[in-house]
C-alpha atoms as a PDB file:
ATOM      1  CA  UNK A   1     -12.884 -19.653  30.084  1.00  0.00           C
ATOM      2  CA  UNK A   2     -10.072 -22.343  30.289  1.00  0.00           C
ATOM      3  CA  UNK A   3     -10.841 -23.652  26.851  1.00  0.00           C
ATOM      4  CA  UNK A   4     -10.825 -20.075  25.387  1.00  0.00           C
ATOM      5  CA  UNK A   5      -7.376 -19.222  27.022  1.00  0.00           C
ATOM      6  CA  UNK A   6      -6.064 -22.569  25.796  1.00  0.00           C
ATOM      7  CA  UNK A   7      -7.194 -21.811  22.070  1.00  0.00           C
ATOM      8  CA  UNK A   8      -5.620 -18.255  22.186  1.00  0.00           C
ATOM      9  CA  UNK A   9      -2.322 -19.517  23.632  1.00  0.00           C
ATOM     10  CA  UNK A  10      -1.842 -22.353  21.280  1.00  0.00           C
ATOM     11  CA  UNK A  11      -3.392 -21.338  17.832  1.00  0.00           C
ATOM     12  CA  UNK A  12      -2.282 -17.690  17.779  1.00  0.00           C
ATOM     13  CA  UNK A  13       1.392 -18.277  18.425  1.00  0.00           C
ATOM     14  CA  UNK A  14       1.187 -21.206  16.105  1.00  0.00           C
ATOM     15  CA  UNK A  15      -0.095 -18.962  13.407  1.00  0.00           C
ATOM     16  CA  UNK A  16       2.572 -16.333  14.108  1.00  0.00           C
ATOM     17  CA  UNK A  17       5.281 -19.142  14.006  1.00  0.00           C
ATOM     18  CA  UNK A  18       3.919 -20.390  10.626  1.00  0.00           C
ATOM     19  CA  UNK A  19       4.176 -16.862   9.038  1.00  0.00           C
ATOM     20  CA  UNK A  20       7.509 -15.858  10.584  1.00  0.00           C
ATOM     21  CA  UNK A  21       9.031 -19.325   9.835  1.00  0.00           C
ATOM     22  CA  UNK A  22       7.859 -19.012   6.230  1.00  0.00           C
ATOM     23  CA  UNK A  23       9.556 -15.550   5.852  1.00  0.00           C
ATOM     24  CA  UNK A  24      12.700 -16.810   7.599  1.00  0.00           C
ATOM     25  CA  UNK A  25      12.847 -19.567   4.933  1.00  0.00           C
ATOM     26  CA  UNK A  26      12.155 -17.078   2.151  1.00  0.00           C
ATOM     27  CA  UNK A  27      15.035 -14.869   3.453  1.00  0.00           C
ATOM     28  CA  UNK A  28      17.424 -17.808   3.670  1.00  0.00           C
ATOM     29  CA  UNK A  29      16.478 -18.990   0.159  1.00  0.00           C
ATOM     30  CA  UNK A  30      16.864 -15.430  -1.016  1.00  0.00           C
ATOM     31  CA  UNK A  31      20.349 -14.913   0.438  1.00  0.00           C
ATOM     32  CA  UNK A  32      21.630 -18.422  -0.697  1.00  0.00           C
ATOM     33  CA  UNK A  33      19.832 -18.870  -3.956  1.00  0.00           C
ATOM     34  CA  UNK A  34      18.136 -15.586  -5.140  1.00  0.00           C
ATOM     35  CA  UNK A  35      17.445 -16.902  -8.678  1.00  0.00           C
ATOM     36  CA  UNK A  36      14.768 -19.248  -7.548  1.00  0.00           C
ATOM     37  CA  UNK A  37      12.847 -16.577  -5.752  1.00  0.00           C
ATOM     38  CA  UNK A  38      10.643 -13.976  -7.265  1.00  0.00           C
ATOM     39  CA  UNK A  39      12.124 -11.185  -5.096  1.00  0.00           C
ATOM     40  CA  UNK A  40      15.660 -12.308  -6.154  1.00  0.00           C
ATOM     41  CA  UNK A  41      14.680 -12.398  -9.770  1.00  0.00           C
ATOM     42  CA  UNK A  42      13.291  -8.861  -9.636  1.00  0.00           C
ATOM     43  CA  UNK A  43      16.507  -7.596  -8.096  1.00  0.00           C
ATOM     44  CA  UNK A  44      18.645  -9.135 -10.770  1.00  0.00           C
ATOM     45  CA  UNK A  45      16.393  -7.669 -13.511  1.00  0.00           C
ATOM     46  CA  UNK A  46      16.385  -4.120 -11.790  1.00  0.00           C
ATOM     47  CA  UNK A  47      20.176  -4.161 -11.774  1.00  0.00           C
ATOM     48  CA  UNK A  48      20.305  -4.877 -15.541  1.00  0.00           C
ATOM     49  CA  UNK A  49      17.556  -2.335 -16.012  1.00  0.00           C
ATOM     50  CA  UNK A  50      19.541   0.188 -14.104  1.00  0.00           C
ATOM     51  CA  UNK A  51      22.586  -0.265 -16.331  1.00  0.00           C
ATOM     52  CA  UNK A  52      20.508   0.084 -19.453  1.00  0.00           C
ATOM     53  CA  UNK A  53      18.716   3.160 -18.298  1.00  0.00           C
ATOM     54  CA  UNK A  54      22.052   4.745 -16.984  1.00  0.00           C
ATOM     55  CA  UNK A  55      23.621   4.381 -20.541  1.00  0.00           C
ATOM     56  CA  UNK A  56      20.773   5.526 -22.491  1.00  0.00           C
ATOM     57  CA  UNK A  57      19.528   8.732 -24.018  1.00  0.00           C
ATOM     58  CA  UNK A  58      18.858  11.372 -21.198  1.00  0.00           C
ATOM     59  CA  UNK A  59      15.286  12.177 -22.172  1.00  0.00           C
ATOM     60  CA  UNK A  60      14.324   8.674 -22.865  1.00  0.00           C
ATOM     61  CA  UNK A  61      16.189   7.506 -19.666  1.00  0.00           C
ATOM     62  CA  UNK A  62      14.329  10.032 -17.461  1.00  0.00           C
ATOM     63  CA  UNK A  63      10.908   9.084 -18.870  1.00  0.00           C
ATOM     64  CA  UNK A  64      11.641   5.342 -18.569  1.00  0.00           C
ATOM     65  CA  UNK A  65      12.842   5.796 -15.014  1.00  0.00           C
ATOM     66  CA  UNK A  66       9.602   7.680 -13.998  1.00  0.00           C
ATOM     67  CA  UNK A  67       7.285   5.211 -15.704  1.00  0.00           C
ATOM     68  CA  UNK A  68       9.003   2.285 -14.323  1.00  0.00           C
ATOM     69  CA  UNK A  69       8.980   3.451 -10.701  1.00  0.00           C
ATOM     70  CA  UNK A  70       5.585   5.056 -10.882  1.00  0.00           C
ATOM     71  CA  UNK A  71       3.600   1.764 -10.222  1.00  0.00           C
ATOM     72  CA  UNK A  72       5.871   0.914  -7.128  1.00  0.00           C
ATOM     73  CA  UNK A  73       5.445   4.422  -5.710  1.00  0.00           C
ATOM     74  CA  UNK A  74       1.679   4.216  -6.071  1.00  0.00           C
ATOM     75  CA  UNK A  75       1.588   0.803  -4.331  1.00  0.00           C
ATOM     76  CA  UNK A  76       3.755   1.842  -1.574  1.00  0.00           C
ATOM     77  CA  UNK A  77       1.562   5.098  -0.949  1.00  0.00           C
ATOM     78  CA  UNK A  78      -1.552   2.764  -0.962  1.00  0.00           C
ATOM     79  CA  UNK A  79      -0.069   0.409   1.642  1.00  0.00           C
ATOM     80  CA  UNK A  80       1.011   3.314   3.984  1.00  0.00           C
ATOM     81  CA  UNK A  81      -2.536   4.751   3.474  1.00  0.00           C
ATOM     82  CA  UNK A  82      -4.325   1.629   4.367  1.00  0.00           C
ATOM     83  CA  UNK A  83      -2.033   1.077   7.379  1.00  0.00           C
ATOM     84  CA  UNK A  84      -2.762   4.425   8.940  1.00  0.00           C
ATOM     85  CA  UNK A  85      -6.475   4.300   8.129  1.00  0.00           C
ATOM     86  CA  UNK A  86      -6.822   0.846   9.710  1.00  0.00           C
ATOM     87  CA  UNK A  87      -5.051   2.214  12.888  1.00  0.00           C
ATOM     88  CA  UNK A  88      -7.500   4.977  13.085  1.00  0.00           C
ATOM     89  CA  UNK A  89     -10.405   2.574  12.544  1.00  0.00           C
ATOM     90  CA  UNK A  90      -9.155   0.322  15.334  1.00  0.00           C
ATOM     91  CA  UNK A  91      -9.005   3.412  17.537  1.00  0.00           C
ATOM     92  CA  UNK A  92     -12.603   4.126  16.809  1.00  0.00           C
ATOM     93  CA  UNK A  93     -13.488   0.599  17.479  1.00  0.00           C
ATOM     94  CA  UNK A  94     -11.959   0.677  21.099  1.00  0.00           C
ATOM     95  CA  UNK A  95     -14.988   2.611  22.330  1.00  0.00           C
ATOM     96  CA  UNK A  96     -17.302  -0.208  21.526  1.00  0.00           C
ATOM     97  CA  UNK A  97     -14.942  -2.988  22.565  1.00  0.00           C
ATOM     98  CA  UNK A  98     -16.642  -4.045  25.802  1.00  0.00           C
ATOM     99  CA  UNK A  99     -20.146  -4.130  24.178  1.00  0.00           C
ATOM    100  CA  UNK A 100     -18.912  -6.394  21.566  1.00  0.00           C
ATOM    101  CA  UNK A 101     -16.823  -8.636  23.917  1.00  0.00           C
ATOM    102  CA  UNK A 102     -20.099  -9.473  25.787  1.00  0.00           C
ATOM    103  CA  UNK A 103     -21.571 -10.851  22.810  1.00  0.00           C
ATOM    104  CA  UNK A 104     -18.536 -12.861  21.706  1.00  0.00           C
ATOM    105  CA  UNK A 105     -17.643 -14.172  25.151  1.00  0.00           C
ATOM    106  CA  UNK A 106     -20.965 -16.399  24.908  1.00  0.00           C
ATOM    107  CA  UNK A 107     -19.227 -18.657  22.522  1.00  0.00           C
ATOM    108  CA  UNK A 108     -15.818 -20.351  23.326  1.00  0.00           C
ATOM    109  CA  UNK A 109     -14.830 -20.384  19.631  1.00  0.00           C
ATOM    110  CA  UNK A 110     -14.152 -16.600  19.730  1.00  0.00           C
ATOM    111  CA  UNK A 111     -11.506 -17.195  22.406  1.00  0.00           C
ATOM    112  CA  UNK A 112     -10.991 -15.134  25.536  1.00  0.00           C
ATOM    113  CA  UNK A 113     -12.544 -11.785  25.648  1.00  0.00           C
ATOM    114  CA  UNK A 114     -11.084 -10.506  28.910  1.00  0.00           C
ATOM    115  CA  UNK A 115      -9.836  -6.911  29.174  1.00  0.00           C
ATOM    116  CA  UNK A 116      -6.007  -7.974  28.969  1.00  0.00           C
ATOM    117  CA  UNK A 117      -6.670 -10.335  26.022  1.00  0.00           C
ATOM    118  CA  UNK A 118      -8.522  -7.536  24.178  1.00  0.00           C
ATOM    119  CA  UNK A 119      -5.658  -5.180  24.929  1.00  0.00           C
ATOM    120  CA  UNK A 120      -3.263  -7.798  23.460  1.00  0.00           C
ATOM    121  CA  UNK A 121      -5.250  -8.094  20.245  1.00  0.00           C
ATOM    122  CA  UNK A 122      -5.592  -4.423  19.593  1.00  0.00           C
ATOM    123  CA  UNK A 123      -2.129  -3.711  20.715  1.00  0.00           C
ATOM    124  CA  UNK A 124      -0.546  -6.385  18.417  1.00  0.00           C
ATOM    125  CA  UNK A 125      -2.586  -5.265  15.384  1.00  0.00           C
ATOM    126  CA  UNK A 126      -1.463  -1.609  16.105  1.00  0.00           C
ATOM    127  CA  UNK A 127       2.062  -2.467  16.357  1.00  0.00           C
ATOM    128  CA  UNK A 128       2.099  -4.378  13.023  1.00  0.00           C
ATOM    129  CA  UNK A 129       0.147  -1.554  11.341  1.00  0.00           C
ATOM    130  CA  UNK A 130       2.659   1.115  12.577  1.00  0.00           C
ATOM    131  CA  UNK A 131       5.615  -1.171  11.395  1.00  0.00           C
ATOM    132  CA  UNK A 132       3.822  -1.388   7.989  1.00  0.00           C
ATOM    133  CA  UNK A 133       3.394   2.267   7.817  1.00  0.00           C
ATOM    134  CA  UNK A 134       6.975   2.955   9.004  1.00  0.00           C
ATOM    135  CA  UNK A 135       8.518   0.754   6.269  1.00  0.00           C
ATOM    136  CA  UNK A 136       6.214   2.021   3.586  1.00  0.00           C
ATOM    137  CA  UNK A 137       7.034   5.685   4.402  1.00  0.00           C
ATOM    138  CA  UNK A 138      10.633   5.281   4.553  1.00  0.00           C
ATOM    139  CA  UNK A 139      10.658   2.972   1.433  1.00  0.00           C
ATOM    140  CA  UNK A 140       8.623   5.748  -0.364  1.00  0.00           C
ATOM    141  CA  UNK A 141      11.450   8.352   0.613  1.00  0.00           C
ATOM    142  CA  UNK A 142      14.065   6.063  -0.824  1.00  0.00           C
ATOM    143  CA  UNK A 143      12.183   5.605  -4.077  1.00  0.00           C
ATOM    144  CA  UNK A 144      11.708   9.287  -4.634  1.00  0.00           C
ATOM    145  CA  UNK A 145      15.304  10.051  -4.015  1.00  0.00           C
ATOM    146  CA  UNK A 146      16.388   7.157  -6.183  1.00  0.00           C
ATOM    147  CA  UNK A 147      14.072   8.278  -8.938  1.00  0.00           C
ATOM    148  CA  UNK A 148      15.932  11.792  -8.919  1.00  0.00           C
ATOM    149  CA  UNK A 149      19.339  10.125  -8.599  1.00  0.00           C
ATOM    150  CA  UNK A 150      18.719   7.744 -11.632  1.00  0.00           C
ATOM    151  CA  UNK A 151      17.916  10.916 -13.792  1.00  0.00           C
ATOM    152  CA  UNK A 152      21.129  12.497 -12.946  1.00  0.00           C
ATOM    153  CA  UNK A 153      23.365   9.325 -12.789  1.00  0.00           C
ATOM    154  CA  UNK A 154      24.202   9.437 -16.563  1.00  0.00           C
ATOM    155  CA  UNK A 155      25.462  13.005 -16.521  1.00  0.00           C
ATOM    156  CA  UNK A 156      29.186  13.511 -17.107  1.00  0.00           C
ATOM    157  CA  UNK A 157      29.963  14.955 -13.683  1.00  0.00           C
ATOM    158  CA  UNK A 158      28.500  11.840 -11.919  1.00  0.00           C
ATOM    159  CA  UNK A 159      30.974   9.240 -11.308  1.00  0.00           C
ATOM    160  CA  UNK A 160      30.533   5.603 -10.606  1.00  0.00           C
ATOM    161  CA  UNK A 161      29.955   6.134  -6.863  1.00  0.00           C
ATOM    162  CA  UNK A 162      27.073   8.176  -7.493  1.00  0.00           C
ATOM    163  CA  UNK A 163      25.586   5.512  -9.850  1.00  0.00           C
ATOM    164  CA  UNK A 164      26.229   2.915  -6.942  1.00  0.00           C
ATOM    165  CA  UNK A 165      24.461   5.172  -4.498  1.00  0.00           C
ATOM    166  CA  UNK A 166      21.506   5.568  -6.681  1.00  0.00           C
ATOM    167  CA  UNK A 167      21.172   1.777  -7.232  1.00  0.00           C
ATOM    168  CA  UNK A 168      21.493   1.226  -3.462  1.00  0.00           C
ATOM    169  CA  UNK A 169      18.748   3.730  -2.723  1.00  0.00           C
ATOM    170  CA  UNK A 170      16.547   2.176  -5.342  1.00  0.00           C
ATOM    171  CA  UNK A 171      17.116  -1.463  -3.820  1.00  0.00           C
ATOM    172  CA  UNK A 172      16.437  -0.237  -0.335  1.00  0.00           C
ATOM    173  CA  UNK A 173      13.285   1.463  -1.453  1.00  0.00           C
ATOM    174  CA  UNK A 174      11.825  -1.548  -3.137  1.00  0.00           C
ATOM    175  CA  UNK A 175      12.835  -3.915  -0.244  1.00  0.00           C
ATOM    176  CA  UNK A 176      11.155  -1.659   2.317  1.00  0.00           C
ATOM    177  CA  UNK A 177       8.138  -1.482   0.168  1.00  0.00           C
ATOM    178  CA  UNK A 178       7.957  -5.317   0.028  1.00  0.00           C
ATOM    179  CA  UNK A 179       8.422  -5.516   3.927  1.00  0.00           C
ATOM    180  CA  UNK A 180       5.750  -3.054   4.551  1.00  0.00           C
ATOM    181  CA  UNK A 181       3.402  -4.907   2.252  1.00  0.00           C
ATOM    182  CA  UNK A 182       4.148  -8.205   3.965  1.00  0.00           C
ATOM    183  CA  UNK A 183       3.718  -6.866   7.425  1.00  0.00           C
ATOM    184  CA  UNK A 184       0.306  -5.316   6.338  1.00  0.00           C
ATOM    185  CA  UNK A 185      -0.684  -8.861   4.976  1.00  0.00           C
ATOM    186  CA  UNK A 186       0.169 -10.324   8.400  1.00  0.00           C
ATOM    187  CA  UNK A 187      -1.840  -7.628  10.228  1.00  0.00           C
ATOM    188  CA  UNK A 188      -4.910  -8.719   8.447  1.00  0.00           C
ATOM    189  CA  UNK A 189      -4.600 -12.123   9.882  1.00  0.00           C
ATOM    190  CA  UNK A 190      -4.032 -10.617  13.360  1.00  0.00           C
ATOM    191  CA  UNK A 191      -7.295  -8.573  12.858  1.00  0.00           C
ATOM    192  CA  UNK A 192      -9.273 -11.719  12.463  1.00  0.00           C
ATOM    193  CA  UNK A 193      -8.105 -12.432  16.102  1.00  0.00           C
ATOM    194  CA  UNK A 194     -11.087 -10.339  17.131  1.00  0.00           C
ATOM    195  CA  UNK A 195     -13.338 -13.188  15.967  1.00  0.00           C
ATOM    196  CA  UNK A 196     -11.337 -15.954  17.697  1.00  0.00           C
ATOM    197  CA  UNK A 197      -7.916 -17.912  17.185  1.00  0.00           C
ATOM    198  CA  UNK A 198      -9.357 -20.306  14.634  1.00  0.00           C
ATOM    199  CA  UNK A 199      -9.804 -17.738  11.862  1.00  0.00           C
ATOM    200  CA  UNK A 200      -6.286 -16.453  12.640  1.00  0.00           C
ATOM    201  CA  UNK A 201      -4.842 -19.993  11.992  1.00  0.00           C
ATOM    202  CA  UNK A 202      -6.961 -20.659   8.892  1.00  0.00           C
ATOM    203  CA  UNK A 203      -5.991 -17.195   7.448  1.00  0.00           C
ATOM    204  CA  UNK A 204      -2.395 -17.638   8.219  1.00  0.00           C
ATOM    205  CA  UNK A 205      -2.300 -21.067   6.430  1.00  0.00           C
ATOM    206  CA  UNK A 206      -4.071 -19.392   3.505  1.00  0.00           C
ATOM    207  CA  UNK A 207      -1.644 -16.424   3.508  1.00  0.00           C
ATOM    208  CA  UNK A 208       1.455 -18.721   3.557  1.00  0.00           C
ATOM    209  CA  UNK A 209       0.136 -20.685   0.601  1.00  0.00           C
ATOM    210  CA  UNK A 210      -0.685 -17.632  -1.388  1.00  0.00           C
ATOM    211  CA  UNK A 211       2.630 -16.037  -0.734  1.00  0.00           C
ATOM    212  CA  UNK A 212       4.574 -19.235  -1.540  1.00  0.00           C
ATOM    213  CA  UNK A 213       2.879 -19.369  -4.966  1.00  0.00           C
ATOM    214  CA  UNK A 214       3.872 -15.760  -5.377  1.00  0.00           C
ATOM    215  CA  UNK A 215       7.415 -16.079  -4.219  1.00  0.00           C
ATOM    216  CA  UNK A 216       8.380 -19.274  -5.790  1.00  0.00           C
ATOM    217  CA  UNK A 217       6.369 -19.037  -8.899  1.00  0.00           C
ATOM    218  CA  UNK A 218       9.319 -18.395 -11.107  1.00  0.00           C
ATOM    219  CA  UNK A 219      11.146 -21.461  -9.948  1.00  0.00           C
ATOM    220  CA  UNK A 220       8.028 -23.743 -10.211  1.00  0.00           C
ATOM    221  CA  UNK A 221       7.554 -22.370 -13.843  1.00  0.00           C
ATOM    222  CA  UNK A 222      11.245 -23.198 -14.551  1.00  0.00           C
ATOM    223  CA  UNK A 223      10.945 -26.557 -13.290  1.00  0.00           C
ATOM    224  CA  UNK A 224       7.723 -27.242 -15.161  1.00  0.00           C
ATOM    225  CA  UNK A 225       9.322 -25.955 -18.438  1.00  0.00           C
ATOM    226  CA  UNK A 226      12.461 -28.297 -17.967  1.00  0.00           C
ATOM    227  CA  UNK A 227      10.080 -31.213 -17.340  1.00  0.00           C
ATOM    228  CA  UNK A 228       8.290 -30.329 -20.614  1.00  0.00           C
ATOM    229  CA  UNK A 229      11.412 -30.051 -22.530  1.00  0.00           C
ATOM    230  CA  UNK A 230      12.607 -33.440 -21.308  1.00  0.00           C
ATOM    231  CA  UNK A 231       9.398 -35.091 -22.608  1.00  0.00           C
END
């Protein structure tokens, strides 16, 4: 029992510190040097895209805005749907928690399976899932409103303040969609806590590695391109 509690109290906080520390580093890099992160590059491209859409033909502008935001809207809806479905699934699994804990408690690798620890495992997963659902739902509302505002931003009676408001709504929607997606990814690592703290640590390392390749792919590609040009 002591070894199981020791694994839970060391490996799980280490996994959370790894993921939270990486996102803190990503946020610091994004605020100081946005051009070397994929999120920053996307924001810069969206700003130029917004200016081009705003000054184009009304019919073509509206069609382009709808088509460009459609994929993000669908991805945000999918994230919110997965979050709420997993919450309901966890609620259904609570009924069989104690039967499963008796089987897992026989092996120390699975960590502590006490009632308090099980409540912590399910509670932390529920909390992160609800945060993911909340961010995705709010981001979806911002994206829907910005889609409408982009379509009317080029009209003659709409001044520059209206365009700035539409752009701000769009950026908030995209940012909340990213936050909801990231929180959902972190939740999947917490769900593996049901099988012990070791899978949590391994999945957190794999998640941070995958996210790093995604978030800094543009900067790595630029560095490789510059090195090839030097040779």
